[in-house]
Amino acid sequence: MKNAAVRINDEIKNALLQTETGSQEDQGVEKGSSDPQREKVGKITIEQLRVIANEKLPGLNCATIESAMRIIAGTAANMGIDINPPVLERNFKQIL
């Protein structure tokens, strides 16, 4: 996370900016795929996804780890990072 100054009602306050998904950091990927449907830039396991979701849960707009995992999985998919086994399918609850 990066620290940045933010102006709110003419006051300057420090704020933490959340950057990268965690999955990007875990894979050592500098940037996402330009065509995430065709070109994959990395893979993570469901265990790695759970660890990332636990770290990011306080900053996400969700209450459960499963919903946090879906948010992170969606972000990873849009970056061209595959998750094994796939978690964005209807039988996701069975995988957990």
Protein backbone atom coordinates (compact mmCIF):
# COMPACT_ATOMS: atom_id res chain seq x y z
CA MET A 1 0.00 0.00 0.00
CA LYS A 2 1.09 3.52 -0.71
CA ASN A 3 0.62 6.52 1.55
CA ALA A 4 -0.75 9.65 -0.13
CA ALA A 5 -2.02 13.08 0.86
CA VAL A 6 -5.73 13.59 0.19
CA ARG A 7 -7.61 16.91 0.28
CA ILE A 8 -11.00 16.68 2.02
CA ASN A 9 -12.95 19.91 2.70
CA ASP A 10 -9.79 22.02 2.40
CA GLU A 11 -7.93 19.79 4.87
CA ILE A 12 -5.05 17.62 3.81
CA LYS A 13 -5.11 14.18 5.37
CA ASN A 14 -2.96 11.12 4.85
CA ALA A 15 -4.64 8.11 3.33
CA LEU A 16 -3.54 4.63 2.45
CA LEU A 17 -4.06 3.82 -1.20
CA GLN A 18 -4.65 0.16 -1.95
CA THR A 19 -2.69 -0.96 -4.98
CA GLU A 20 -2.39 -4.25 -6.80
CA THR A 21 -4.47 -7.29 -6.03
CA GLY A 22 -2.03 -9.35 -4.05
CA SER A 23 -2.28 -12.07 -6.68
CA GLN A 24 -0.17 -9.87 -8.91
CA GLU A 25 2.41 -9.58 -6.14
CA ASP A 26 2.36 -13.34 -5.48
CA GLN A 27 2.98 -14.17 -9.13
CA GLY A 28 5.71 -11.58 -9.63
CA VAL A 29 3.68 -10.12 -12.51
CA GLU A 30 4.51 -6.50 -13.31
CA LYS A 31 1.30 -5.83 -15.22
CA GLY A 32 -1.83 -7.63 -16.30
CA SER A 33 -2.50 -9.15 -19.69
CA SER A 34 -3.56 -6.87 -22.54
CA ASP A 35 -6.04 -9.60 -23.61
CA PRO A 36 -6.96 -11.57 -20.46
CA GLN A 37 -9.31 -13.95 -22.33
CA ARG A 38 -6.55 -15.23 -24.62
CA GLU A 39 -3.25 -14.44 -22.94
CA LYS A 40 -2.72 -15.62 -19.35
CA VAL A 41 0.13 -14.14 -17.33
CA GLY A 42 0.04 -16.39 -14.26
CA LYS A 43 -1.79 -18.91 -12.08
CA ILE A 44 -2.71 -19.07 -8.41
CA THR A 45 -4.26 -21.82 -6.33
CA ILE A 46 -7.42 -21.54 -4.27
CA GLU A 47 -5.27 -21.61 -1.11
CA GLN A 48 -3.30 -18.58 -2.35
CA LEU A 49 -6.61 -16.90 -3.22
CA ARG A 50 -7.87 -17.47 0.34
CA VAL A 51 -4.69 -15.93 1.83
CA ILE A 52 -5.00 -12.87 -0.43
CA ALA A 53 -8.70 -12.51 0.42
CA ASN A 54 -7.93 -12.68 4.16
CA GLU A 55 -5.37 -9.89 3.76
CA LYS A 56 -7.68 -7.71 1.66
CA LEU A 57 -10.96 -8.40 3.55
CA PRO A 58 -10.88 -5.27 5.78
CA GLY A 59 -10.63 -3.01 2.73
CA LEU A 60 -13.30 -4.76 0.67
CA ASN A 61 -17.02 -4.07 0.73
CA CYS A 62 -18.05 -7.56 1.84
CA ALA A 63 -18.59 -9.53 5.03
CA THR A 64 -17.52 -13.10 4.26
CA ILE A 65 -14.29 -14.63 3.07
CA GLU A 66 -16.14 -16.36 0.20
CA SER A 67 -17.39 -13.06 -1.21
CA ALA A 68 -13.91 -11.56 -0.80
CA MET A 69 -12.49 -14.52 -2.71
CA ARG A 70 -14.96 -13.91 -5.54
CA ILE A 71 -13.98 -10.23 -5.72
CA ILE A 72 -10.26 -11.05 -5.83
CA ALA A 73 -10.90 -13.87 -8.35
CA GLY A 74 -12.75 -11.46 -10.63
CA THR A 75 -9.94 -8.93 -10.45
CA ALA A 76 -7.37 -11.65 -11.14
CA ALA A 77 -9.40 -12.95 -14.11
CA ASN A 78 -9.54 -9.44 -15.58
CA MET A 79 -5.75 -9.25 -15.27
CA GLY A 80 -5.19 -12.59 -17.03
CA ILE A 81 -4.39 -14.63 -13.91
CA ASP A 82 -5.97 -18.10 -13.78
CA ILE A 83 -7.17 -19.68 -10.55
CA ASN A 84 -6.95 -23.44 -10.18
CA PRO A 85 -9.58 -24.81 -9.64
CA PRO A 86 -11.81 -22.19 -11.30
CA VAL A 87 -13.88 -20.36 -8.66
CA LEU A 88 -16.04 -18.09 -10.79
CA GLU A 89 -18.39 -20.92 -11.74
CA ARG A 90 -21.76 -21.79 -10.22
CA ASN A 91 -20.41 -24.72 -8.19
CA PHE A 92 -18.01 -22.46 -6.27
CA LYS A 93 -19.53 -23.32 -2.85
CA GLN A 94 -18.70 -26.99 -3.44
CA ILE A 95 -15.01 -26.17 -3.93
CA LEU A 96 -14.68 -24.37 -0.60
